[in-house]
Amino acid sequence: MRSSLLIALPVSSVALLAAAVMLPSGAQQSHKAGAADFEKTAAPFFAQSCVACHNADAKAGGLNLQSFSQAASVGRSRDTWDAILRKVRTGEMPPAGSPKPSALQIKAALACFEAEIERVDRLAAANPGRVTARRLNRAEYNNTIRDLLGVNTHPADDFPQDDSGYGFDNNGDVLSLSPSQMDRYLASAEKIARTAIFGPEMQKPTLARHEASGRNIVTSVTVPASYDTSGLTLPNSLHATHRFPADGEYLFRIRLDGVRPLGSDALHLGIWIDGRQVQALDFDPTGSAAFSPDRQDFSGRTVE
């Protein structure tokens, strides 16, 4: 019988383990030789041109280069080494008037220093940074519930609006989890579980009202050059958006307000859905409407 053993290690431990496993003994000795070469190059170079000003006593610029002759200083003081390379490479150091190595010596020293820095960077443990534990946004939640449980009721439509960052609403750093969001999650989970097991609930009759805001109809005695026969662009037409939750029979009840001149023709009503006229009728409540000497008041009469 064959068996296997799975060992879980932290990411940093895995990186170090992989580096140790992939590094043969010959390469390890090569790295030791590289560090030795660095120390042989750094100590004489600094002693010749730098230590006179950058030592434990003088410490010009707050820098003691005597401690930078060992290869271990590259890992400890990476930023300082970047500054050293920049100043030596541009000729800023050693300053004018100080003993200066030849161009060949500077080139060799820079090559040695850069090789050691590259080696240290290559062997350094990876730091991927902080990983944000993110939640699903509303669209992702709806799609996940649909794919996992076959429930396509759009439960996340009732959740609070998702925050956005840099123009995206799936940015984990801004997708917070508020107490109200958690309450909606719990309530939605119970409803989703019931729907997945027992099927969707029977739709109950609901009432939706669409009322026009205050309209100011300007009267005119001139006949317009063109006339909208559909009435959709008239100031007394009502435009509303309604989402029908299921296929079924729907009753539309239209409540009429306002007045019309006495003796007018019957009122022509039309209902348009998705750009198509689905119903049209004439309404003329002459027998029941309230009259004044010159006008007829609809007084909230209802048409079904």
Foldseek 3Di string as FASTA:
>chain_A
DDDDDDDDDDLLVVLLVVVVVPQDPVNVVVLVVLQVVQLVLQVVQCVQFPQVQQDPPNNVVVHHCVVVSGLVVCVVCVVVLVVVLVCLVVVVPPPPPTDDDDPVSSVVNSVSSVVSNVVCVVSDGDDPDDDFDADDAQVRVQVVLCVPQVDNPSLSVPAPHADDDPRDRRDRVRRDQDPSNVVSVVVSVVQSVCCSVVNDDDDDDDDDDFDDDDFDADDDPDDDPDDDPVCCPHRPDGDDDDDDSDDDDDDDKDWDWDKDWPPDDFQKDWDDDPNHTDDIDTHDPPPPFDDDPTMTTSPGDMDD
